[in-house]
Amino acid sequence: MATAAAPKTGLPLSIFFYCKDCEKIAEVTRVGSRYVYSCNICGTKNVAFGTQRSIMSFFHLDEKDFEKSTEGAEGAEGIAGQESPINDSGSPST
């Protein structure tokens, strides 16, 4: 069964993008053919991506912070509670 992918990023919709400079979930644009993304808010390439759980854990966000940072972020079309087979490093999780 195929997983739906976002047209701008090519990654599953359960993947969130976190701008380390803006310190919030951001809509991004893919740069080139590699897993490099630029933030549409500040324009930097300092963007991490992962599931909701991995972003919250790595950047020490609680549920309130995460939901607050996703307000207005069109690129945050993730499905809460759904685990993705791709981890923060881009490789399959075990």
PDB file of N, CA and C in Angstrom:
ATOM      1  N   MET A   1       0.843  -1.177   0.000  1.00  0.00           N
ATOM      2  CA  MET A   1       0.000   0.000   0.000  1.00  0.00           C
ATOM      3  C   MET A   1       0.888   1.240   0.000  1.00  0.00           C
ATOM      4  N   ALA A   2       0.635   2.171  -0.874  1.00  0.00           N
ATOM      5  CA  ALA A   2       1.439   3.383  -0.988  1.00  0.00           C
ATOM      6  C   ALA A   2       1.033   4.397   0.072  1.00  0.00           C
ATOM      7  N   THR A   3       2.009   5.122   0.585  1.00  0.00           N
ATOM      8  CA  THR A   3       1.769   6.175   1.560  1.00  0.00           C
ATOM      9  C   THR A   3       1.661   7.500   0.820  1.00  0.00           C
ATOM     10  N   ALA A   4       0.683   8.311   1.217  1.00  0.00           N
ATOM     11  CA  ALA A   4       0.516   9.619   0.585  1.00  0.00           C
ATOM     12  C   ALA A   4       1.731  10.484   0.872  1.00  0.00           C
ATOM     13  N   ALA A   5       2.178  11.229  -0.130  1.00  0.00           N
ATOM     14  CA  ALA A   5       3.355  12.083   0.023  1.00  0.00           C
ATOM     15  C   ALA A   5       2.990  13.529  -0.279  1.00  0.00           C
ATOM     16  N   ALA A   6       3.647  14.429   0.413  1.00  0.00           N
ATOM     17  CA  ALA A   6       3.449  15.857   0.168  1.00  0.00           C
ATOM     18  C   ALA A   6       4.114  16.220  -1.151  1.00  0.00           C
ATOM     19  N   PRO A   7       3.457  17.011  -1.993  1.00  0.00           N
ATOM     20  CA  PRO A   7       4.030  17.331  -3.303  1.00  0.00           C
ATOM     21  C   PRO A   7       5.315  18.156  -3.242  1.00  0.00           C
ATOM     22  N   LYS A   8       5.462  19.042  -2.261  1.00  0.00           N
ATOM     23  CA  LYS A   8       6.643  19.898  -2.189  1.00  0.00           C
ATOM     24  C   LYS A   8       7.873  19.174  -1.654  1.00  0.00           C
ATOM     25  N   THR A   9       7.659  18.139  -0.819  1.00  0.00           N
ATOM     26  CA  THR A   9       8.789  17.500  -0.155  1.00  0.00           C
ATOM     27  C   THR A   9       9.048  16.079  -0.600  1.00  0.00           C
ATOM     28  N   GLY A  10       8.030  15.378  -1.040  1.00  0.00           N
ATOM     29  CA  GLY A  10       8.190  13.990  -1.439  1.00  0.00           C
ATOM     30  C   GLY A  10       8.229  13.030  -0.269  1.00  0.00           C
ATOM     31  N   LEU A  11       8.037  13.526   0.951  1.00  0.00           N
ATOM     32  CA  LEU A  11       8.031  12.689   2.144  1.00  0.00           C
ATOM     33  C   LEU A  11       6.599  12.436   2.593  1.00  0.00           C
ATOM     34  N   PRO A  12       6.359  11.378   3.376  1.00  0.00           N
ATOM     35  CA  PRO A  12       5.011  11.094   3.862  1.00  0.00           C
ATOM     36  C   PRO A  12       4.430  12.275   4.638  1.00  0.00           C
ATOM     37  N   LEU A  13       3.114  12.388   4.641  1.00  0.00           N
ATOM     38  CA  LEU A  13       2.447  13.489   5.329  1.00  0.00           C
ATOM     39  C   LEU A  13       2.603  13.421   6.846  1.00  0.00           C
ATOM     40  N   SER A  14       3.032  12.289   7.387  1.00  0.00           N
ATOM     41  CA  SER A  14       3.220  12.183   8.832  1.00  0.00           C
ATOM     42  C   SER A  14       4.570  12.745   9.273  1.00  0.00           C
ATOM     43  N   ILE A  15       5.336  13.300   8.354  1.00  0.00           N
ATOM     44  CA  ILE A  15       6.630  13.899   8.672  1.00  0.00           C
ATOM     45  C   ILE A  15       6.453  15.399   8.899  1.00  0.00           C
ATOM     46  N   PHE A  16       7.035  15.883  10.007  1.00  0.00           N
ATOM     47  CA  PHE A  16       6.990  17.294  10.353  1.00  0.00           C
ATOM     48  C   PHE A  16       8.357  17.915  10.113  1.00  0.00           C
ATOM     49  N   PHE A  17       8.377  19.210   9.839  1.00  0.00           N
ATOM     50  CA  PHE A  17       9.616  19.949   9.605  1.00  0.00           C
ATOM     51  C   PHE A  17       9.749  21.003  10.691  1.00  0.00           C
ATOM     52  N   TYR A  18      10.896  21.009  11.381  1.00  0.00           N
ATOM     53  CA  TYR A  18      11.142  21.931  12.488  1.00  0.00           C
ATOM     54  C   TYR A  18      12.316  22.825  12.125  1.00  0.00           C
ATOM     55  N   CYS A  19      12.070  24.136  12.054  1.00  0.00           N
ATOM     56  CA  CYS A  19      13.139  25.088  11.765  1.00  0.00           C
ATOM     57  C   CYS A  19      13.864  25.389  13.067  1.00  0.00           C
ATOM     58  N   LYS A  20      15.147  25.129  13.091  1.00  0.00           N
ATOM     59  CA  LYS A  20      15.942  25.339  14.302  1.00  0.00           C
ATOM     60  C   LYS A  20      16.166  26.819  14.575  1.00  0.00           C
ATOM     61  N   ASP A  21      16.081  27.659  13.552  1.00  0.00           N
ATOM     62  CA  ASP A  21      16.259  29.099  13.738  1.00  0.00           C
ATOM     63  C   ASP A  21      14.964  29.760  14.209  1.00  0.00           C
ATOM     64  N   CYS A  22      13.839  29.412  13.593  1.00  0.00           N
ATOM     65  CA  CYS A  22      12.536  29.956  14.003  1.00  0.00           C
ATOM     66  C   CYS A  22      12.044  29.304  15.298  1.00  0.00           C
ATOM     67  N   GLU A  23      12.552  28.100  15.564  1.00  0.00           N
ATOM     68  CA  GLU A  23      12.156  27.281  16.714  1.00  0.00           C
ATOM     69  C   GLU A  23      10.668  26.952  16.686  1.00  0.00           C
ATOM     70  N   LYS A  24      10.167  26.560  15.502  1.00  0.00           N
ATOM     71  CA  LYS A  24       8.793  26.116  15.376  1.00  0.00           C
ATOM     72  C   LYS A  24       8.635  25.252  14.124  1.00  0.00           C
ATOM     73  N   ILE A  25       7.491  24.582  14.051  1.00  0.00           N
ATOM     74  CA  ILE A  25       7.156  23.774  12.891  1.00  0.00           C
ATOM     75  C   ILE A  25       6.940  24.724  11.722  1.00  0.00           C
ATOM     76  N   ALA A  26       7.522  24.418  10.589  1.00  0.00           N
ATOM     77  CA  ALA A  26       7.472  25.348   9.462  1.00  0.00           C
ATOM     78  C   ALA A  26       7.116  24.644   8.169  1.00  0.00           C
ATOM     79  N   GLU A  27       6.579  25.403   7.251  1.00  0.00           N
ATOM     80  CA  GLU A  27       6.385  24.921   5.888  1.00  0.00           C
ATOM     81  C   GLU A  27       7.734  25.070   5.194  1.00  0.00           C
ATOM     82  N   VAL A  28       8.094  24.097   4.379  1.00  0.00           N
ATOM     83  CA  VAL A  28       9.423  24.090   3.771  1.00  0.00           C
ATOM     84  C   VAL A  28       9.338  23.897   2.271  1.00  0.00           C
ATOM     85  N   THR A  29      10.455  24.168   1.615  1.00  0.00           N
ATOM     86  CA  THR A  29      10.621  23.911   0.192  1.00  0.00           C
ATOM     87  C   THR A  29      11.862  23.053   0.023  1.00  0.00           C
ATOM     88  N   ARG A  30      11.750  22.022  -0.779  1.00  0.00           N
ATOM     89  CA  ARG A  30      12.880  21.130  -1.013  1.00  0.00           C
ATOM     90  C   ARG A  30      13.939  21.830  -1.863  1.00  0.00           C
ATOM     91  N   VAL A  31      15.204  21.643  -1.478  1.00  0.00           N
ATOM     92  CA  VAL A  31      16.326  22.241  -2.194  1.00  0.00           C
ATOM     93  C   VAL A  31      17.098  21.121  -2.866  1.00  0.00           C
ATOM     94  N   GLY A  32      17.061  21.057  -4.184  1.00  0.00           N
ATOM     95  CA  GLY A  32      17.777  20.007  -4.910  1.00  0.00           C
ATOM     96  C   GLY A  32      17.111  18.656  -4.766  1.00  0.00           C
ATOM     97  N   SER A  33      17.875  17.601  -5.027  1.00  0.00           N
ATOM     98  CA  SER A  33      17.324  16.258  -4.994  1.00  0.00           C
ATOM     99  C   SER A  33      17.629  15.510  -3.706  1.00  0.00           C
ATOM    100  N   ARG A  34      18.404  16.085  -2.822  1.00  0.00           N
ATOM    101  CA  ARG A  34      18.735  15.461  -1.541  1.00  0.00           C
ATOM    102  C   ARG A  34      17.722  15.873  -0.482  1.00  0.00           C
ATOM    103  N   TYR A  35      17.903  15.343   0.735  1.00  0.00           N
ATOM    104  CA  TYR A  35      17.015  15.685   1.840  1.00  0.00           C
ATOM    105  C   TYR A  35      17.449  16.991   2.492  1.00  0.00           C
ATOM    106  N   VAL A  36      17.408  18.071   1.714  1.00  0.00           N
ATOM    107  CA  VAL A  36      17.733  19.403   2.203  1.00  0.00           C
ATOM    108  C   VAL A  36      16.500  20.264   1.970  1.00  0.00           C
ATOM    109  N   TYR A  37      16.075  20.977   3.008  1.00  0.00           N
ATOM    110  CA  TYR A  37      14.874  21.787   2.930  1.00  0.00           C
ATOM    111  C   TYR A  37      15.171  23.178   3.451  1.00  0.00           C
ATOM    112  N   SER A  38      14.518  24.194   2.856  1.00  0.00           N
ATOM    113  CA  SER A  38      14.668  25.559   3.355  1.00  0.00           C
ATOM    114  C   SER A  38      13.341  25.989   3.972  1.00  0.00           C
ATOM    115  N   CYS A  39      13.442  26.717   5.055  1.00  0.00           N
ATOM    116  CA  CYS A  39      12.279  27.218   5.779  1.00  0.00           C
ATOM    117  C   CYS A  39      11.638  28.340   4.966  1.00  0.00           C
ATOM    118  N   ASN A  40      10.325  28.287   4.799  1.00  0.00           N
ATOM    119  CA  ASN A  40       9.628  29.336   4.059  1.00  0.00           C
ATOM    120  C   ASN A  40       9.421  30.589   4.900  1.00  0.00           C
ATOM    121  N   ILE A  41       9.682  30.520   6.194  1.00  0.00           N
ATOM    122  CA  ILE A  41       9.514  31.675   7.069  1.00  0.00           C
ATOM    123  C   ILE A  41      10.786  32.519   7.095  1.00  0.00           C
ATOM    124  N   CYS A  42      11.921  31.887   7.435  1.00  0.00           N
ATOM    125  CA  CYS A  42      13.165  32.654   7.570  1.00  0.00           C
ATOM    126  C   CYS A  42      14.141  32.429   6.415  1.00  0.00           C
ATOM    127  N   GLY A  43      13.936  31.383   5.612  1.00  0.00           N
ATOM    128  CA  GLY A  43      14.763  31.152   4.438  1.00  0.00           C
ATOM    129  C   GLY A  43      16.031  30.349   4.665  1.00  0.00           C
ATOM    130  N   THR A  44      16.321  29.936   5.912  1.00  0.00           N
ATOM    131  CA  THR A  44      17.543  29.167   6.159  1.00  0.00           C
ATOM    132  C   THR A  44      17.337  27.693   5.833  1.00  0.00           C
ATOM    133  N   LYS A  45      18.426  26.966   5.728  1.00  0.00           N
ATOM    134  CA  LYS A  45      18.385  25.530   5.470  1.00  0.00           C
ATOM    135  C   LYS A  45      18.595  24.740   6.758  1.00  0.00           C
ATOM    136  N   ASN A  46      18.416  25.375   7.885  1.00  0.00           N
ATOM    137  CA  ASN A  46      18.627  24.752   9.193  1.00  0.00           C
ATOM    138  C   ASN A  46      17.331  24.086   9.651  1.00  0.00           C
ATOM    139  N   VAL A  47      16.895  23.074   8.889  1.00  0.00           N
ATOM    140  CA  VAL A  47      15.601  22.431   9.105  1.00  0.00           C
ATOM    141  C   VAL A  47      15.799  20.948   9.410  1.00  0.00           C
ATOM    142  N   ALA A  48      15.153  20.498  10.482  1.00  0.00           N
ATOM    143  CA  ALA A  48      15.151  19.074  10.837  1.00  0.00           C
ATOM    144  C   ALA A  48      13.788  18.507  10.469  1.00  0.00           C
ATOM    145  N   PHE A  49      13.728  17.201  10.218  1.00  0.00           N
ATOM    146  CA  PHE A  49      12.442  16.591   9.931  1.00  0.00           C
ATOM    147  C   PHE A  49      12.336  15.254  10.627  1.00  0.00           C
ATOM    148  N   GLY A  50      11.105  14.882  10.939  1.00  0.00           N
ATOM    149  CA  GLY A  50      10.853  13.610  11.615  1.00  0.00           C
ATOM    150  C   GLY A  50       9.386  13.511  11.991  1.00  0.00           C
ATOM    151  N   THR A  51       9.055  12.453  12.694  1.00  0.00           N
ATOM    152  CA  THR A  51       7.688  12.279  13.159  1.00  0.00           C
ATOM    153  C   THR A  51       7.421  13.252  14.299  1.00  0.00           C
ATOM    154  N   GLN A  52       6.162  13.407  14.654  1.00  0.00           N
ATOM    155  CA  GLN A  52       5.809  14.285  15.763  1.00  0.00           C
ATOM    156  C   GLN A  52       6.540  13.843  17.026  1.00  0.00           C
ATOM    157  N   ARG A  53       6.553  12.561  17.269  1.00  0.00           N
ATOM    158  CA  ARG A  53       7.197  12.022  18.469  1.00  0.00           C
ATOM    159  C   ARG A  53       8.699  12.306  18.478  1.00  0.00           C
ATOM    160  N   SER A  54       9.372  12.122  17.363  1.00  0.00           N
ATOM    161  CA  SER A  54      10.820  12.328  17.330  1.00  0.00           C
ATOM    162  C   SER A  54      11.188  13.807  17.457  1.00  0.00           C
ATOM    163  N   ILE A  55      10.430  14.696  16.821  1.00  0.00           N
ATOM    164  CA  ILE A  55      10.689  16.136  16.932  1.00  0.00           C
ATOM    165  C   ILE A  55      10.465  16.595  18.367  1.00  0.00           C
ATOM    166  N   MET A  56       9.362  16.144  18.980  1.00  0.00           N
ATOM    167  CA  MET A  56       9.066  16.534  20.357  1.00  0.00           C
ATOM    168  C   MET A  56      10.147  16.036  21.310  1.00  0.00           C
ATOM    169  N   SER A  57      10.614  14.831  21.096  1.00  0.00           N
ATOM    170  CA  SER A  57      11.622  14.243  21.970  1.00  0.00           C
ATOM    171  C   SER A  57      12.979  14.921  21.800  1.00  0.00           C
ATOM    172  N   PHE A  58      13.428  15.073  20.579  1.00  0.00           N
ATOM    173  CA  PHE A  58      14.768  15.603  20.324  1.00  0.00           C
ATOM    174  C   PHE A  58      14.896  17.069  20.725  1.00  0.00           C
ATOM    175  N   PHE A  59      13.868  17.876  20.435  1.00  0.00           N
ATOM    176  CA  PHE A  59      13.931  19.309  20.727  1.00  0.00           C
ATOM    177  C   PHE A  59      13.271  19.672  22.057  1.00  0.00           C
ATOM    178  N   HIS A  60      12.932  18.654  22.848  1.00  0.00           N
ATOM    179  CA  HIS A  60      12.371  18.832  24.195  1.00  0.00           C
ATOM    180  C   HIS A  60      11.136  19.729  24.198  1.00  0.00           C
ATOM    181  N   LEU A  61      10.206  19.427  23.304  1.00  0.00           N
ATOM    182  CA  LEU A  61       8.940  20.150  23.234  1.00  0.00           C
ATOM    183  C   LEU A  61       7.880  19.337  23.949  1.00  0.00           C
ATOM    184  N   ASP A  62       6.978  19.995  24.659  1.00  0.00           N
ATOM    185  CA  ASP A  62       5.844  19.256  25.196  1.00  0.00           C
ATOM    186  C   ASP A  62       4.670  19.439  24.233  1.00  0.00           C
ATOM    187  N   GLU A  63       3.564  18.786  24.505  1.00  0.00           N
ATOM    188  CA  GLU A  63       2.424  18.795  23.589  1.00  0.00           C
ATOM    189  C   GLU A  63       1.930  20.220  23.321  1.00  0.00           C
ATOM    190  N   LYS A  64       1.887  21.066  24.346  1.00  0.00           N
ATOM    191  CA  LYS A  64       1.416  22.448  24.170  1.00  0.00           C
ATOM    192  C   LYS A  64       2.345  23.227  23.244  1.00  0.00           C
ATOM    193  N   ASP A  65       3.661  23.092  23.437  1.00  0.00           N
ATOM    194  CA  ASP A  65       4.626  23.785  22.590  1.00  0.00           C
ATOM    195  C   ASP A  65       4.512  23.318  21.142  1.00  0.00           C
ATOM    196  N   PHE A  66       4.348  22.016  20.968  1.00  0.00           N
ATOM    197  CA  PHE A  66       4.267  21.454  19.620  1.00  0.00           C
ATOM    198  C   PHE A  66       3.027  21.972  18.901  1.00  0.00           C
ATOM    199  N   GLU A  67       1.869  21.932  19.574  1.00  0.00           N
ATOM    200  CA  GLU A  67       0.639  22.395  18.944  1.00  0.00           C
ATOM    201  C   GLU A  67       0.690  23.893  18.674  1.00  0.00           C
ATOM    202  N   LYS A  68       1.311  24.651  19.591  1.00  0.00           N
ATOM    203  CA  LYS A  68       1.444  26.098  19.403  1.00  0.00           C
ATOM    204  C   LYS A  68       2.304  26.405  18.177  1.00  0.00           C
ATOM    205  N   SER A  69       3.376  25.635  17.990  1.00  0.00           N
ATOM    206  CA  SER A  69       4.269  25.897  16.867  1.00  0.00           C
ATOM    207  C   SER A  69       3.703  25.402  15.537  1.00  0.00           C
ATOM    208  N   THR A  70       2.696  24.513  15.569  1.00  0.00           N
ATOM    209  CA  THR A  70       2.099  24.036  14.320  1.00  0.00           C
ATOM    210  C   THR A  70       0.977  24.936  13.835  1.00  0.00           C
ATOM    211  N   GLU A  71       0.510  25.867  14.657  1.00  0.00           N
ATOM    212  CA  GLU A  71      -0.551  26.771  14.234  1.00  0.00           C
ATOM    213  C   GLU A  71      -0.078  27.588  13.037  1.00  0.00           C
ATOM    214  N   GLY A  72      -0.837  27.526  11.963  1.00  0.00           N
ATOM    215  CA  GLY A  72      -0.503  28.290  10.770  1.00  0.00           C
ATOM    216  C   GLY A  72       0.557  27.660   9.893  1.00  0.00           C
ATOM    217  N   ALA A  73       1.107  26.532  10.274  1.00  0.00           N
ATOM    218  CA  ALA A  73       2.124  25.867   9.454  1.00  0.00           C
ATOM    219  C   ALA A  73       1.423  24.910   8.505  1.00  0.00           C
ATOM    220  N   GLU A  74       1.340  25.279   7.230  1.00  0.00           N
ATOM    221  CA  GLU A  74       0.682  24.447   6.241  1.00  0.00           C
ATOM    222  C   GLU A  74       1.413  23.139   6.012  1.00  0.00           C
ATOM    223  N   GLY A  75       2.718  23.116   6.197  1.00  0.00           N
ATOM    224  CA  GLY A  75       3.507  21.925   5.949  1.00  0.00           C
ATOM    225  C   GLY A  75       3.402  20.887   7.043  1.00  0.00           C
ATOM    226  N   ALA A  76       2.736  21.197   8.127  1.00  0.00           N
ATOM    227  CA  ALA A  76       2.609  20.272   9.245  1.00  0.00           C
ATOM    228  C   ALA A  76       1.318  19.491   9.120  1.00  0.00           C
ATOM    229  N   GLU A  77       1.254  18.616   8.129  1.00  0.00           N
ATOM    230  CA  GLU A  77       0.054  17.854   7.865  1.00  0.00           C
ATOM    231  C   GLU A  77       0.177  16.450   8.439  1.00  0.00           C
ATOM    232  N   GLY A  78       0.935  16.312   9.498  1.00  0.00           N
ATOM    233  CA  GLY A  78       1.181  15.013  10.091  1.00  0.00           C
ATOM    234  C   GLY A  78      -0.039  14.425  10.740  1.00  0.00           C
ATOM    235  N   ILE A  79      -0.001  13.145  10.952  1.00  0.00           N
ATOM    236  CA  ILE A  79      -1.084  12.436  11.587  1.00  0.00           C
ATOM    237  C   ILE A  79      -0.625  12.100  12.995  1.00  0.00           C
ATOM    238  N   ALA A  80      -1.260  12.698  13.983  1.00  0.00           N
ATOM    239  CA  ALA A  80      -0.853  12.506  15.375  1.00  0.00           C
ATOM    240  C   ALA A  80      -0.984  11.041  15.766  1.00  0.00           C
ATOM    241  N   GLY A  81       0.031  10.547  16.430  1.00  0.00           N
ATOM    242  CA  GLY A  81       0.014   9.180  16.926  1.00  0.00           C
ATOM    243  C   GLY A  81       0.449   8.135  15.914  1.00  0.00           C
ATOM    244  N   GLN A  82       0.697   8.512  14.689  1.00  0.00           N
ATOM    245  CA  GLN A  82       1.129   7.550  13.679  1.00  0.00           C
ATOM    246  C   GLN A  82       2.644   7.569  13.586  1.00  0.00           C
ATOM    247  N   GLU A  83       3.248   6.424  13.715  1.00  0.00           N
ATOM    248  CA  GLU A  83       4.707   6.296  13.656  1.00  0.00           C
ATOM    249  C   GLU A  83       5.145   6.080  12.218  1.00  0.00           C
ATOM    250  N   SER A  84       6.162   6.774  11.795  1.00  0.00           N
ATOM    251  CA  SER A  84       6.690   6.651  10.447  1.00  0.00           C
ATOM    252  C   SER A  84       7.840   5.656  10.424  1.00  0.00           C
ATOM    253  N   PRO A  85       8.045   4.945   9.314  1.00  0.00           N
ATOM    254  CA  PRO A  85       9.172   4.023   9.225  1.00  0.00           C
ATOM    255  C   PRO A  85      10.507   4.730   9.020  1.00  0.00           C
ATOM    256  N   ILE A  86      10.517   6.066   8.937  1.00  0.00           N
ATOM    257  CA  ILE A  86      11.739   6.819   8.729  1.00  0.00           C
ATOM    258  C   ILE A  86      12.071   7.602  10.003  1.00  0.00           C
ATOM    259  N   ASN A  87      13.319   7.480  10.490  1.00  0.00           N
ATOM    260  CA  ASN A  87      13.693   8.219  11.693  1.00  0.00           C
ATOM    261  C   ASN A  87      14.358   9.531  11.317  1.00  0.00           C
ATOM    262  N   ASP A  88      14.866  10.287  12.322  1.00  0.00           N
ATOM    263  CA  ASP A  88      15.449  11.611  12.072  1.00  0.00           C
ATOM    264  C   ASP A  88      16.621  11.588  11.104  1.00  0.00           C
ATOM    265  N   SER A  89      17.376  10.499  11.061  1.00  0.00           N
ATOM    266  CA  SER A  89      18.526  10.450  10.179  1.00  0.00           C
ATOM    267  C   SER A  89      18.152  10.104   8.746  1.00  0.00           C
ATOM    268  N   GLY A  90      16.852   9.807   8.514  1.00  0.00           N
ATOM    269  CA  GLY A  90      16.392   9.494   7.171  1.00  0.00           C
ATOM    270  C   GLY A  90      16.475   8.027   6.824  1.00  0.00           C
ATOM    271  N   SER A  91      16.956   7.208   7.756  1.00  0.00           N
ATOM    272  CA  SER A  91      17.044   5.778   7.488  1.00  0.00           C
ATOM    273  C   SER A  91      15.884   5.050   8.164  1.00  0.00           C
ATOM    274  N   PRO A  92      15.546   3.874   7.702  1.00  0.00           N
ATOM    275  CA  PRO A  92      14.447   3.125   8.305  1.00  0.00           C
ATOM    276  C   PRO A  92      14.721   2.839   9.773  1.00  0.00           C
ATOM    277  N   SER A  93      13.667   2.962  10.578  1.00  0.00           N
ATOM    278  CA  SER A  93      13.820   2.670  12.010  1.00  0.00           C
ATOM    279  C   SER A  93      13.683   1.160  12.230  1.00  0.00           C
ATOM    280  N   THR A  94      14.246   0.696  13.319  1.00  0.00           N
ATOM    281  CA  THR A  94      14.187  -0.744  13.598  1.00  0.00           C
ATOM    282  C   THR A  94      13.331  -1.050  14.774  1.00  0.00           C
TER     283      THR A  94
END
